Amino acid sequence: MEPEVEAAQPVEREPTPIMFVRCADEVAEMQATWARFEELVGLHGRKFYGAYYPLTKEYRVCAELRERDDPTALGVESGELPGGRYLRARLRGEPPAVYERIGPIFIALVRRATPDQSRPSIEFYRRRDEIDLLLPVA
């Protein structure tokens, strides 16, 4: 088992207002959507998230909503990442190799805890080389 999973910690998160774009849960489409979204909203000072909704098999590329943001003018949707209890594993590594570890770590987290299917699994991009993987749990 990977060290990040062995060190997984339960955390409580507050709801996070976001703006986002949707895409299919397919690697090529996700990569293209990330590139397009980052170009659209800019990288400076942003908190980025990926959210996977298991019931609809939908992936969302998200940025935390800031007061001066206008999602409608940008042509994106707005919403909220739900708060609550999550099991967190922290990944560290250089992109793009670190991204290849996201799926396997989520699979390992699901083996440790029963996910709350009503909320998305979240990737929180803390820094270029650090990602928190958050599995919603009851």
Protein backbone atom coordinates (compact mmCIF):
# COMPACT_ATOMS: atom_id res chain seq x y z
CA MET A 1 0.00 0.00 0.00
CA GLU A 2 1.27 3.48 -0.83
CA PRO A 3 2.58 5.60 2.08
CA GLU A 4 0.10 8.42 1.34
CA VAL A 5 -2.80 6.04 1.89
CA GLU A 6 -1.33 4.60 5.08
CA ALA A 7 -1.07 8.17 6.38
CA ALA A 8 -4.61 9.15 5.27
CA GLN A 9 -6.35 11.36 7.82
CA PRO A 10 -10.01 12.20 8.42
CA VAL A 11 -10.70 15.91 7.92
CA GLU A 12 -13.72 18.22 8.06
CA ARG A 13 -14.14 20.68 5.20
CA GLU A 14 -16.34 23.72 4.91
CA PRO A 15 -18.35 24.19 1.70
CA THR A 16 -16.29 25.96 -0.97
CA PRO A 17 -17.87 28.33 -3.52
CA ILE A 18 -16.48 27.56 -6.98
CA MET A 19 -16.72 28.24 -10.67
CA PHE A 20 -16.28 25.24 -12.92
CA VAL A 21 -16.56 23.46 -16.25
CA ARG A 22 -17.79 19.91 -16.73
CA CYS A 23 -16.24 17.13 -18.76
CA ALA A 24 -16.35 13.38 -19.13
CA ASP A 25 -14.24 11.21 -16.85
CA GLU A 26 -11.72 10.49 -19.62
CA VAL A 27 -8.06 11.42 -19.23
CA ALA A 28 -7.65 13.15 -22.62
CA GLU A 29 -10.80 15.24 -22.15
CA MET A 30 -9.85 16.10 -18.57
CA GLN A 31 -6.39 17.29 -19.66
CA ALA A 32 -7.84 19.46 -22.44
CA THR A 33 -10.47 20.88 -20.08
CA TRP A 34 -7.85 21.73 -17.43
CA ALA A 35 -5.70 23.56 -20.00
CA ARG A 36 -8.66 25.52 -21.37
CA PHE A 37 -9.99 26.41 -17.90
CA GLU A 38 -6.61 27.55 -16.55
CA GLU A 39 -6.14 29.78 -19.59
CA LEU A 40 -9.64 31.20 -19.15
CA VAL A 41 -9.48 32.03 -15.42
CA GLY A 42 -5.72 32.55 -15.00
CA LEU A 43 -3.36 30.82 -12.59
CA HIS A 44 -2.19 33.65 -10.33
CA GLY A 45 -3.54 33.40 -6.80
CA ARG A 46 -6.07 30.71 -7.65
CA LYS A 47 -7.06 27.62 -5.67
CA PHE A 48 -7.89 24.80 -8.08
CA TYR A 49 -9.91 21.64 -7.55
CA GLY A 50 -10.95 18.61 -9.51
CA ALA A 51 -14.26 17.05 -8.48
CA TYR A 52 -15.55 13.63 -9.52
CA TYR A 53 -19.27 12.93 -9.11
CA PRO A 54 -19.68 9.13 -8.95
CA LEU A 55 -23.44 9.01 -9.52
CA THR A 56 -23.20 10.90 -12.85
CA LYS A 57 -19.62 9.84 -13.76
CA GLU A 58 -18.87 13.53 -14.32
CA TYR A 59 -15.62 15.37 -13.67
CA ARG A 60 -15.47 19.10 -12.96
CA VAL A 61 -12.47 21.37 -13.23
CA CYS A 62 -12.94 24.04 -10.57
CA ALA A 63 -11.45 27.21 -9.15
CA GLU A 64 -12.43 28.75 -5.83
CA LEU A 65 -14.78 31.65 -6.52
CA ARG A 66 -13.34 35.05 -5.64
CA GLU A 67 -15.41 38.16 -4.99
CA ARG A 68 -14.47 39.84 -8.26
CA ASP A 69 -15.06 36.74 -10.43
CA ASP A 70 -17.90 36.80 -12.96
CA PRO A 71 -18.54 33.18 -13.99
CA THR A 72 -21.23 34.20 -16.49
CA ALA A 73 -18.86 36.58 -18.30
CA LEU A 74 -16.25 33.81 -18.41
CA GLY A 75 -18.79 31.34 -19.79
CA VAL A 76 -18.48 28.92 -16.86
CA GLU A 77 -20.86 27.64 -14.18
CA SER A 78 -20.81 28.47 -10.48
CA GLY A 79 -21.65 26.25 -7.54
CA GLU A 80 -20.21 24.80 -4.38
CA LEU A 81 -18.01 21.91 -3.37
CA PRO A 82 -19.82 20.35 -0.41
CA GLY A 83 -18.30 20.40 3.02
CA GLY A 84 -18.34 17.56 5.50
CA ARG A 85 -16.13 14.67 6.50
CA TYR A 86 -13.47 13.42 4.08
CA LEU A 87 -10.60 10.97 4.22
CA ARG A 88 -7.52 12.88 3.01
CA ALA A 89 -4.34 11.55 1.41
CA ARG A 90 -1.62 14.03 0.41
CA LEU A 91 0.36 13.39 -2.76
CA ARG A 92 3.72 15.01 -3.40
CA GLY A 93 5.65 14.82 -6.63
CA GLU A 94 6.47 16.51 -9.88
CA PRO A 95 3.85 16.99 -12.57
CA PRO A 96 2.86 15.31 -14.77
CA ALA A 97 3.99 12.06 -13.08
CA VAL A 98 2.14 12.90 -9.83
CA TYR A 99 -1.18 13.03 -11.73
CA GLU A 100 -0.84 9.36 -12.69
CA ARG A 101 -1.01 8.44 -8.99
CA ILE A 102 -4.40 10.11 -8.35
CA GLY A 103 -6.63 7.27 -9.61
CA PRO A 104 -4.76 4.47 -7.82
CA ILE A 105 -4.73 6.41 -4.54
CA PHE A 106 -8.49 7.03 -4.71
CA ILE A 107 -9.01 3.30 -5.34
CA ALA A 108 -6.92 2.52 -2.27
CA LEU A 109 -8.89 5.06 -0.19
CA VAL A 110 -12.17 3.41 -1.19
CA ARG A 111 -10.79 0.13 0.18
CA ARG A 112 -10.26 1.82 3.55
CA ALA A 113 -13.58 3.67 3.91
CA THR A 114 -17.05 3.57 2.42
CA PRO A 115 -17.49 6.70 0.30
CA ASP A 116 -20.52 8.96 0.55
CA GLN A 117 -21.71 8.69 -3.06
CA SER A 118 -23.86 11.83 -2.74
CA ARG A 119 -20.74 14.06 -2.62
CA PRO A 120 -17.83 14.29 -5.03
CA SER A 121 -14.31 13.02 -4.52
CA ILE A 122 -12.08 16.10 -4.57
CA GLU A 123 -8.56 16.83 -5.73
CA PHE A 124 -7.26 20.02 -4.09
CA TYR A 125 -4.20 21.35 -5.88
CA ARG A 126 -2.37 22.93 -2.93
CA ARG A 127 0.78 23.68 -4.94
CA ARG A 128 2.27 22.62 -8.24
CA ASP A 129 3.78 19.56 -6.57
CA GLU A 130 1.26 18.85 -3.78
CA ILE A 131 -2.30 17.54 -4.10
CA ASP A 132 -4.79 16.62 -1.37
CA LEU A 133 -7.07 13.75 -2.40
CA LEU A 134 -10.34 13.90 -0.48
CA LEU A 135 -12.75 10.96 -0.38
CA PRO A 136 -16.17 11.90 1.08
CA VAL A 137 -17.17 9.61 3.95
CA ALA A 138 -20.25 9.45 6.18
